[in-house]
Amino acid sequence: MSLGKKDIVKNISTKAHISSYLSNNILNSFIKNIINASKIQSVKISSFGTFYYHTSPQRIGRNPSTKEEFTIPERSKLCLKVSNNVKTSLN
């Protein structure tokens, strides 16, 4: 089972007794703050995890149907290292 953004907005609005529009704005601003702050340095949320940017190196990719090779440029992506508290509660 996956938990989407709509599910998170619905949970926030029902538990906080606020409108879904307001809870959507809260979630979007939280995500934007995490993204902007983690570009500068890693962002640690206690008992949850650490958000950081990781740069994946350039590599060679292959089209499976034509077997044609091409280079995939390096990319930076936002990653999350989950804390041990979350890991133990999930397992």
PDB file of N, CA and C in Angstrom:
ATOM      1  N   MET A   1       0.839  -1.178   0.000  1.00  0.00           N
ATOM      2  CA  MET A   1       0.000   0.000   0.000  1.00  0.00           C
ATOM      3  C   MET A   1       0.883   1.239   0.000  1.00  0.00           C
ATOM      4  N   SER A   2       0.576   2.147  -0.881  1.00  0.00           N
ATOM      5  CA  SER A   2       1.335   3.391  -0.914  1.00  0.00           C
ATOM      6  C   SER A   2       0.475   4.526  -0.376  1.00  0.00           C
ATOM      7  N   LEU A   3       1.136   5.532   0.127  1.00  0.00           N
ATOM      8  CA  LEU A   3       0.464   6.686   0.699  1.00  0.00           C
ATOM      9  C   LEU A   3       0.809   7.883  -0.164  1.00  0.00           C
ATOM     10  N   GLY A   4      -0.184   8.419  -0.860  1.00  0.00           N
ATOM     11  CA  GLY A   4       0.035   9.543  -1.756  1.00  0.00           C
ATOM     12  C   GLY A   4      -0.172  10.866  -1.053  1.00  0.00           C
ATOM     13  N   LYS A   5       0.071  11.912  -1.818  1.00  0.00           N
ATOM     14  CA  LYS A   5      -0.063  13.262  -1.284  1.00  0.00           C
ATOM     15  C   LYS A   5      -1.514  13.559  -0.881  1.00  0.00           C
ATOM     16  N   LYS A   6      -2.454  13.059  -1.674  1.00  0.00           N
ATOM     17  CA  LYS A   6      -3.868  13.276  -1.343  1.00  0.00           C
ATOM     18  C   LYS A   6      -4.240  12.600  -0.026  1.00  0.00           C
ATOM     19  N   ASP A   7      -3.665  11.413   0.217  1.00  0.00           N
ATOM     20  CA  ASP A   7      -3.936  10.709   1.472  1.00  0.00           C
ATOM     21  C   ASP A   7      -3.367  11.465   2.668  1.00  0.00           C
ATOM     22  N   ILE A   8      -2.171  12.023   2.497  1.00  0.00           N
ATOM     23  CA  ILE A   8      -1.558  12.787   3.577  1.00  0.00           C
ATOM     24  C   ILE A   8      -2.367  14.048   3.865  1.00  0.00           C
ATOM     25  N   VAL A   9      -2.824  14.733   2.816  1.00  0.00           N
ATOM     26  CA  VAL A   9      -3.654  15.932   2.990  1.00  0.00           C
ATOM     27  C   VAL A   9      -4.952  15.577   3.708  1.00  0.00           C
ATOM     28  N   LYS A  10      -5.545  14.467   3.339  1.00  0.00           N
ATOM     29  CA  LYS A  10      -6.795  14.030   3.974  1.00  0.00           C
ATOM     30  C   LYS A  10      -6.577  13.716   5.455  1.00  0.00           C
ATOM     31  N   ASN A  11      -5.465  13.049   5.779  1.00  0.00           N
ATOM     32  CA  ASN A  11      -5.162  12.736   7.174  1.00  0.00           C
ATOM     33  C   ASN A  11      -4.920  13.995   7.990  1.00  0.00           C
ATOM     34  N   ILE A  12      -4.205  14.959   7.430  1.00  0.00           N
ATOM     35  CA  ILE A  12      -3.950  16.212   8.141  1.00  0.00           C
ATOM     36  C   ILE A  12      -5.250  16.950   8.391  1.00  0.00           C
ATOM     37  N   SER A  13      -6.106  17.010   7.382  1.00  0.00           N
ATOM     38  CA  SER A  13      -7.348  17.787   7.534  1.00  0.00           C
ATOM     39  C   SER A  13      -8.296  17.143   8.538  1.00  0.00           C
ATOM     40  N   THR A  14      -8.363  15.817   8.574  1.00  0.00           N
ATOM     41  CA  THR A  14      -9.284  15.182   9.522  1.00  0.00           C
ATOM     42  C   THR A  14      -8.751  15.232  10.948  1.00  0.00           C
ATOM     43  N   LYS A  15      -7.444  15.045  11.132  1.00  0.00           N
ATOM     44  CA  LYS A  15      -6.896  15.028  12.492  1.00  0.00           C
ATOM     45  C   LYS A  15      -6.742  16.420  13.081  1.00  0.00           C
ATOM     46  N   ALA A  16      -6.500  17.427  12.238  1.00  0.00           N
ATOM     47  CA  ALA A  16      -6.335  18.793  12.736  1.00  0.00           C
ATOM     48  C   ALA A  16      -7.632  19.589  12.660  1.00  0.00           C
ATOM     49  N   HIS A  17      -8.695  18.982  12.081  1.00  0.00           N
ATOM     50  CA  HIS A  17     -10.001  19.644  11.942  1.00  0.00           C
ATOM     51  C   HIS A  17      -9.886  20.956  11.172  1.00  0.00           C
ATOM     52  N   ILE A  18      -9.173  20.902  10.033  1.00  0.00           N
ATOM     53  CA  ILE A  18      -9.044  22.049   9.149  1.00  0.00           C
ATOM     54  C   ILE A  18      -9.465  21.624   7.747  1.00  0.00           C
ATOM     55  N   SER A  19      -9.618  22.596   6.870  1.00  0.00           N
ATOM     56  CA  SER A  19     -10.057  22.285   5.508  1.00  0.00           C
ATOM     57  C   SER A  19      -8.936  21.587   4.739  1.00  0.00           C
ATOM     58  N   SER A  20      -9.334  20.850   3.717  1.00  0.00           N
ATOM     59  CA  SER A  20      -8.335  20.151   2.913  1.00  0.00           C
ATOM     60  C   SER A  20      -7.498  21.145   2.112  1.00  0.00           C
ATOM     61  N   TYR A  21      -8.067  22.291   1.748  1.00  0.00           N
ATOM     62  CA  TYR A  21      -7.317  23.332   1.047  1.00  0.00           C
ATOM     63  C   TYR A  21      -6.174  23.841   1.915  1.00  0.00           C
ATOM     64  N   LEU A  22      -6.471  24.109   3.187  1.00  0.00           N
ATOM     65  CA  LEU A  22      -5.452  24.605   4.105  1.00  0.00           C
ATOM     66  C   LEU A  22      -4.399  23.534   4.393  1.00  0.00           C
ATOM     67  N   SER A  23      -4.814  22.301   4.562  1.00  0.00           N
ATOM     68  CA  SER A  23      -3.847  21.235   4.823  1.00  0.00           C
ATOM     69  C   SER A  23      -2.979  20.968   3.596  1.00  0.00           C
ATOM     70  N   ASN A  24      -3.524  21.153   2.397  1.00  0.00           N
ATOM     71  CA  ASN A  24      -2.730  21.032   1.176  1.00  0.00           C
ATOM     72  C   ASN A  24      -1.668  22.129   1.125  1.00  0.00           C
ATOM     73  N   ASN A  25      -2.041  23.348   1.497  1.00  0.00           N
ATOM     74  CA  ASN A  25      -1.075  24.451   1.533  1.00  0.00           C
ATOM     75  C   ASN A  25       0.023  24.192   2.564  1.00  0.00           C
ATOM     76  N   ILE A  26      -0.351  23.645   3.707  1.00  0.00           N
ATOM     77  CA  ILE A  26       0.622  23.332   4.754  1.00  0.00           C
ATOM     78  C   ILE A  26       1.615  22.293   4.256  1.00  0.00           C
ATOM     79  N   LEU A  27       1.112  21.242   3.639  1.00  0.00           N
ATOM     80  CA  LEU A  27       1.988  20.183   3.137  1.00  0.00           C
ATOM     81  C   LEU A  27       2.904  20.692   2.034  1.00  0.00           C
ATOM     82  N   ASN A  28       2.369  21.485   1.100  1.00  0.00           N
ATOM     83  CA  ASN A  28       3.190  22.017   0.016  1.00  0.00           C
ATOM     84  C   ASN A  28       4.288  22.945   0.534  1.00  0.00           C
ATOM     85  N   SER A  29       3.964  23.782   1.507  1.00  0.00           N
ATOM     86  CA  SER A  29       4.987  24.680   2.049  1.00  0.00           C
ATOM     87  C   SER A  29       6.037  23.902   2.837  1.00  0.00           C
ATOM     88  N   PHE A  30       5.636  22.838   3.516  1.00  0.00           N
ATOM     89  CA  PHE A  30       6.593  21.988   4.224  1.00  0.00           C
ATOM     90  C   PHE A  30       7.560  21.332   3.241  1.00  0.00           C
ATOM     91  N   ILE A  31       7.030  20.812   2.147  1.00  0.00           N
ATOM     92  CA  ILE A  31       7.872  20.159   1.144  1.00  0.00           C
ATOM     93  C   ILE A  31       8.825  21.159   0.501  1.00  0.00           C
ATOM     94  N   LYS A  32       8.324  22.358   0.186  1.00  0.00           N
ATOM     95  CA  LYS A  32       9.183  23.385  -0.413  1.00  0.00           C
ATOM     96  C   LYS A  32      10.295  23.795   0.542  1.00  0.00           C
ATOM     97  N   ASN A  33       9.984  23.917   1.830  1.00  0.00           N
ATOM     98  CA  ASN A  33      11.005  24.272   2.813  1.00  0.00           C
ATOM     99  C   ASN A  33      12.070  23.198   2.917  1.00  0.00           C
ATOM    100  N   ILE A  34      11.672  21.944   2.903  1.00  0.00           N
ATOM    101  CA  ILE A  34      12.634  20.837   2.967  1.00  0.00           C
ATOM    102  C   ILE A  34      13.529  20.866   1.735  1.00  0.00           C
ATOM    103  N   ILE A  35      12.948  21.043   0.556  1.00  0.00           N
ATOM    104  CA  ILE A  35      13.724  21.055  -0.689  1.00  0.00           C
ATOM    105  C   ILE A  35      14.714  22.219  -0.703  1.00  0.00           C
ATOM    106  N   ASN A  36      14.263  23.417  -0.354  1.00  0.00           N
ATOM    107  CA  ASN A  36      15.139  24.589  -0.390  1.00  0.00           C
ATOM    108  C   ASN A  36      16.247  24.508   0.654  1.00  0.00           C
ATOM    109  N   ALA A  37      15.915  24.049   1.848  1.00  0.00           N
ATOM    110  CA  ALA A  37      16.923  23.973   2.911  1.00  0.00           C
ATOM    111  C   ALA A  37      17.933  22.868   2.652  1.00  0.00           C
ATOM    112  N   SER A  38      17.503  21.776   2.048  1.00  0.00           N
ATOM    113  CA  SER A  38      18.433  20.671   1.826  1.00  0.00           C
ATOM    114  C   SER A  38      19.377  20.936   0.668  1.00  0.00           C
ATOM    115  N   LYS A  39      19.100  21.937  -0.166  1.00  0.00           N
ATOM    116  CA  LYS A  39      20.051  22.315  -1.207  1.00  0.00           C
ATOM    117  C   LYS A  39      21.302  22.932  -0.593  1.00  0.00           C
ATOM    118  N   ILE A  40      21.138  23.579   0.551  1.00  0.00           N
ATOM    119  CA  ILE A  40      22.255  24.226   1.234  1.00  0.00           C
ATOM    120  C   ILE A  40      23.000  23.225   2.117  1.00  0.00           C
ATOM    121  N   GLN A  41      22.259  22.496   2.940  1.00  0.00           N
ATOM    122  CA  GLN A  41      22.848  21.496   3.821  1.00  0.00           C
ATOM    123  C   GLN A  41      21.789  20.449   4.126  1.00  0.00           C
ATOM    124  N   SER A  42      22.198  19.342   4.736  1.00  0.00           N
ATOM    125  CA  SER A  42      21.237  18.286   5.025  1.00  0.00           C
ATOM    126  C   SER A  42      20.285  18.740   6.129  1.00  0.00           C
ATOM    127  N   VAL A  43      19.041  18.264   6.041  1.00  0.00           N
ATOM    128  CA  VAL A  43      17.997  18.644   6.989  1.00  0.00           C
ATOM    129  C   VAL A  43      17.631  17.415   7.808  1.00  0.00           C
ATOM    130  N   LYS A  44      17.836  17.497   9.133  1.00  0.00           N
ATOM    131  CA  LYS A  44      17.544  16.371  10.005  1.00  0.00           C
ATOM    132  C   LYS A  44      16.270  16.648  10.785  1.00  0.00           C
ATOM    133  N   ILE A  45      15.338  15.718  10.716  1.00  0.00           N
ATOM    134  CA  ILE A  45      14.123  15.782  11.520  1.00  0.00           C
ATOM    135  C   ILE A  45      14.251  14.676  12.556  1.00  0.00           C
ATOM    136  N   SER A  46      14.305  15.050  13.799  1.00  0.00           N
ATOM    137  CA  SER A  46      14.556  14.107  14.874  1.00  0.00           C
ATOM    138  C   SER A  46      13.510  12.998  14.893  1.00  0.00           C
ATOM    139  N   SER A  47      13.957  11.779  15.082  1.00  0.00           N
ATOM    140  CA  SER A  47      13.140  10.559  15.141  1.00  0.00           C
ATOM    141  C   SER A  47      12.421  10.255  13.836  1.00  0.00           C
ATOM    142  N   PHE A  48      12.801  10.912  12.740  1.00  0.00           N
ATOM    143  CA  PHE A  48      12.205  10.622  11.438  1.00  0.00           C
ATOM    144  C   PHE A  48      13.266  10.285  10.402  1.00  0.00           C
ATOM    145  N   GLY A  49      14.205  11.210  10.178  1.00  0.00           N
ATOM    146  CA  GLY A  49      15.247  10.949   9.201  1.00  0.00           C
ATOM    147  C   GLY A  49      15.963  12.208   8.769  1.00  0.00           C
ATOM    148  N   THR A  50      16.858  12.043   7.781  1.00  0.00           N
ATOM    149  CA  THR A  50      17.658  13.147   7.275  1.00  0.00           C
ATOM    150  C   THR A  50      17.462  13.260   5.773  1.00  0.00           C
ATOM    151  N   PHE A  51      17.095  14.455   5.319  1.00  0.00           N
ATOM    152  CA  PHE A  51      16.967  14.746   3.899  1.00  0.00           C
ATOM    153  C   PHE A  51      18.284  15.334   3.409  1.00  0.00           C
ATOM    154  N   TYR A  52      18.775  14.864   2.264  1.00  0.00           N
ATOM    155  CA  TYR A  52      20.009  15.377   1.694  1.00  0.00           C
ATOM    156  C   TYR A  52      19.967  15.226   0.181  1.00  0.00           C
ATOM    157  N   TYR A  53      20.791  16.023  -0.506  1.00  0.00           N
ATOM    158  CA  TYR A  53      20.901  15.925  -1.955  1.00  0.00           C
ATOM    159  C   TYR A  53      22.043  14.995  -2.309  1.00  0.00           C
ATOM    160  N   HIS A  54      21.798  14.096  -3.242  1.00  0.00           N
ATOM    161  CA  HIS A  54      22.805  13.149  -3.719  1.00  0.00           C
ATOM    162  C   HIS A  54      22.975  13.351  -5.216  1.00  0.00           C
ATOM    163  N   THR A  55      24.230  13.431  -5.669  1.00  0.00           N
ATOM    164  CA  THR A  55      24.508  13.565  -7.089  1.00  0.00           C
ATOM    165  C   THR A  55      24.890  12.196  -7.638  1.00  0.00           C
ATOM    166  N   SER A  56      24.057  11.660  -8.522  1.00  0.00           N
ATOM    167  CA  SER A  56      24.376  10.377  -9.143  1.00  0.00           C
ATOM    168  C   SER A  56      25.328  10.624 -10.300  1.00  0.00           C
ATOM    169  N   PRO A  57      26.341   9.796 -10.456  1.00  0.00           N
ATOM    170  CA  PRO A  57      27.343  10.030 -11.496  1.00  0.00           C
ATOM    171  C   PRO A  57      26.803   9.739 -12.901  1.00  0.00           C
ATOM    172  N   GLN A  58      27.521  10.244 -13.887  1.00  0.00           N
ATOM    173  CA  GLN A  58      27.178   9.965 -15.278  1.00  0.00           C
ATOM    174  C   GLN A  58      27.400   8.482 -15.542  1.00  0.00           C
ATOM    175  N   ARG A  59      26.497   7.874 -16.317  1.00  0.00           N
ATOM    176  CA  ARG A  59      26.622   6.444 -16.591  1.00  0.00           C
ATOM    177  C   ARG A  59      26.127   6.144 -17.995  1.00  0.00           C
ATOM    178  N   ILE A  60      26.362   4.915 -18.417  1.00  0.00           N
ATOM    179  CA  ILE A  60      25.944   4.482 -19.745  1.00  0.00           C
ATOM    180  C   ILE A  60      24.640   3.698 -19.603  1.00  0.00           C
ATOM    181  N   GLY A  61      23.627   4.100 -20.378  1.00  0.00           N
ATOM    182  CA  GLY A  61      22.343   3.412 -20.399  1.00  0.00           C
ATOM    183  C   GLY A  61      22.174   2.674 -21.707  1.00  0.00           C
ATOM    184  N   ARG A  62      21.195   1.770 -21.734  1.00  0.00           N
ATOM    185  CA  ARG A  62      20.985   0.977 -22.940  1.00  0.00           C
ATOM    186  C   ARG A  62      19.493   0.817 -23.176  1.00  0.00           C
ATOM    187  N   ASN A  63      19.075   1.044 -24.426  1.00  0.00           N
ATOM    188  CA  ASN A  63      17.697   0.808 -24.824  1.00  0.00           C
ATOM    189  C   ASN A  63      17.514  -0.709 -24.949  1.00  0.00           C
ATOM    190  N   PRO A  64      16.611  -1.311 -24.173  1.00  0.00           N
ATOM    191  CA  PRO A  64      16.499  -2.765 -24.193  1.00  0.00           C
ATOM    192  C   PRO A  64      15.992  -3.343 -25.512  1.00  0.00           C
ATOM    193  N   SER A  65      15.216  -2.573 -26.266  1.00  0.00           N
ATOM    194  CA  SER A  65      14.685  -3.135 -27.511  1.00  0.00           C
ATOM    195  C   SER A  65      15.683  -3.017 -28.669  1.00  0.00           C
ATOM    196  N   THR A  66      16.416  -1.900 -28.748  1.00  0.00           N
ATOM    197  CA  THR A  66      17.354  -1.711 -29.863  1.00  0.00           C
ATOM    198  C   THR A  66      18.799  -1.968 -29.469  1.00  0.00           C
ATOM    199  N   LYS A  67      19.063  -2.154 -28.192  1.00  0.00           N
ATOM    200  CA  LYS A  67      20.418  -2.356 -27.654  1.00  0.00           C
ATOM    201  C   LYS A  67      21.345  -1.174 -27.918  1.00  0.00           C
ATOM    202  N   GLU A  68      20.758  -0.013 -28.210  1.00  0.00           N
ATOM    203  CA  GLU A  68      21.547   1.184 -28.471  1.00  0.00           C
ATOM    204  C   GLU A  68      22.006   1.784 -27.144  1.00  0.00           C
ATOM    205  N   GLU A  69      23.294   2.122 -27.034  1.00  0.00           N
ATOM    206  CA  GLU A  69      23.839   2.703 -25.819  1.00  0.00           C
ATOM    207  C   GLU A  69      23.831   4.224 -25.903  1.00  0.00           C
ATOM    208  N   PHE A  70      23.641   4.866 -24.773  1.00  0.00           N
ATOM    209  CA  PHE A  70      23.679   6.322 -24.682  1.00  0.00           C
ATOM    210  C   PHE A  70      24.126   6.694 -23.282  1.00  0.00           C
ATOM    211  N   THR A  71      24.590   7.922 -23.122  1.00  0.00           N
ATOM    212  CA  THR A  71      25.044   8.355 -21.800  1.00  0.00           C
ATOM    213  C   THR A  71      23.910   9.060 -21.073  1.00  0.00           C
ATOM    214  N   ILE A  72      23.790   8.731 -19.815  1.00  0.00           N
ATOM    215  CA  ILE A  72      22.833   9.391 -18.934  1.00  0.00           C
ATOM    216  C   ILE A  72      23.625  10.406 -18.125  1.00  0.00           C
ATOM    217  N   PRO A  73      23.279  11.692 -18.207  1.00  0.00           N
ATOM    218  CA  PRO A  73      24.069  12.703 -17.500  1.00  0.00           C
ATOM    219  C   PRO A  73      23.902  12.588 -15.987  1.00  0.00           C
ATOM    220  N   GLU A  74      24.838  13.196 -15.259  1.00  0.00           N
ATOM    221  CA  GLU A  74      24.729  13.161 -13.799  1.00  0.00           C
ATOM    222  C   GLU A  74      23.543  13.991 -13.351  1.00  0.00           C
ATOM    223  N   ARG A  75      22.927  13.538 -12.283  1.00  0.00           N
ATOM    224  CA  ARG A  75      21.731  14.200 -11.747  1.00  0.00           C
ATOM    225  C   ARG A  75      21.866  14.362 -10.250  1.00  0.00           C
ATOM    226  N   SER A  76      21.230  15.385  -9.724  1.00  0.00           N
ATOM    227  CA  SER A  76      21.150  15.515  -8.276  1.00  0.00           C
ATOM    228  C   SER A  76      19.703  15.286  -7.878  1.00  0.00           C
ATOM    229  N   LYS A  77      19.532  14.507  -6.811  1.00  0.00           N
ATOM    230  CA  LYS A  77      18.187  14.180  -6.372  1.00  0.00           C
ATOM    231  C   LYS A  77      18.106  14.246  -4.859  1.00  0.00           C
ATOM    232  N   LEU A  78      16.919  14.509  -4.366  1.00  0.00           N
ATOM    233  CA  LEU A  78      16.672  14.583  -2.936  1.00  0.00           C
ATOM    234  C   LEU A  78      16.493  13.180  -2.393  1.00  0.00           C
ATOM    235  N   CYS A  79      17.233  12.838  -1.351  1.00  0.00           N
ATOM    236  CA  CYS A  79      17.167  11.505  -0.753  1.00  0.00           C
ATOM    237  C   CYS A  79      16.797  11.633   0.721  1.00  0.00           C
ATOM    238  N   LEU A  80      16.297  10.541   1.274  1.00  0.00           N
ATOM    239  CA  LEU A  80      15.939  10.486   2.679  1.00  0.00           C
ATOM    240  C   LEU A  80      16.599   9.274   3.300  1.00  0.00           C
ATOM    241  N   LYS A  81      17.353   9.495   4.360  1.00  0.00           N
ATOM    242  CA  LYS A  81      17.893   8.392   5.150  1.00  0.00           C
ATOM    243  C   LYS A  81      17.023   8.303   6.395  1.00  0.00           C
ATOM    244  N   VAL A  82      16.298   7.207   6.498  1.00  0.00           N
ATOM    245  CA  VAL A  82      15.319   7.036   7.558  1.00  0.00           C
ATOM    246  C   VAL A  82      16.015   6.706   8.870  1.00  0.00           C
ATOM    247  N   SER A  83      15.500   7.241   9.985  1.00  0.00           N
ATOM    248  CA  SER A  83      16.092   6.992  11.296  1.00  0.00           C
ATOM    249  C   SER A  83      15.766   5.584  11.771  1.00  0.00           C
ATOM    250  N   ASN A  84      16.501   5.127  12.747  1.00  0.00           N
ATOM    251  CA  ASN A  84      16.284   3.789  13.289  1.00  0.00           C
ATOM    252  C   ASN A  84      14.928   3.653  13.969  1.00  0.00           C
ATOM    253  N   ASN A  85      14.396   4.743  14.524  1.00  0.00           N
ATOM    254  CA  ASN A  85      13.075   4.696  15.167  1.00  0.00           C
ATOM    255  C   ASN A  85      11.997   4.332  14.154  1.00  0.00           C
ATOM    256  N   VAL A  86      12.063   4.928  12.969  1.00  0.00           N
ATOM    257  CA  VAL A  86      11.088   4.646  11.919  1.00  0.00           C
ATOM    258  C   VAL A  86      11.279   3.229  11.407  1.00  0.00           C
ATOM    259  N   LYS A  87      12.520   2.802  11.242  1.00  0.00           N
ATOM    260  CA  LYS A  87      12.797   1.448  10.763  1.00  0.00           C
ATOM    261  C   LYS A  87      12.238   0.391  11.713  1.00  0.00           C
ATOM    262  N   THR A  88      12.440   0.579  12.994  1.00  0.00           N
ATOM    263  CA  THR A  88      11.949  -0.421  13.962  1.00  0.00           C
ATOM    264  C   THR A  88      10.424  -0.413  14.051  1.00  0.00           C
ATOM    265  N   SER A  89       9.815   0.748  13.883  1.00  0.00           N
ATOM    266  CA  SER A  89       8.343   0.789  13.951  1.00  0.00           C
ATOM    267  C   SER A  89       7.709   0.155  12.707  1.00  0.00           C
ATOM    268  N   LEU A  90       8.411   0.198  11.565  1.00  0.00           N
ATOM    269  CA  LEU A  90       7.881  -0.409  10.342  1.00  0.00           C
ATOM    270  C   LEU A  90       8.111  -1.909  10.305  1.00  0.00           C
ATOM    271  N   ASN A  91       9.171  -2.377  10.915  1.00  0.00           N
ATOM    272  CA  ASN A  91       9.481  -3.811  10.864  1.00  0.00           C
ATOM    273  C   ASN A  91       8.951  -4.567  12.037  1.00  0.00           C
TER     274      ASN A  91
END
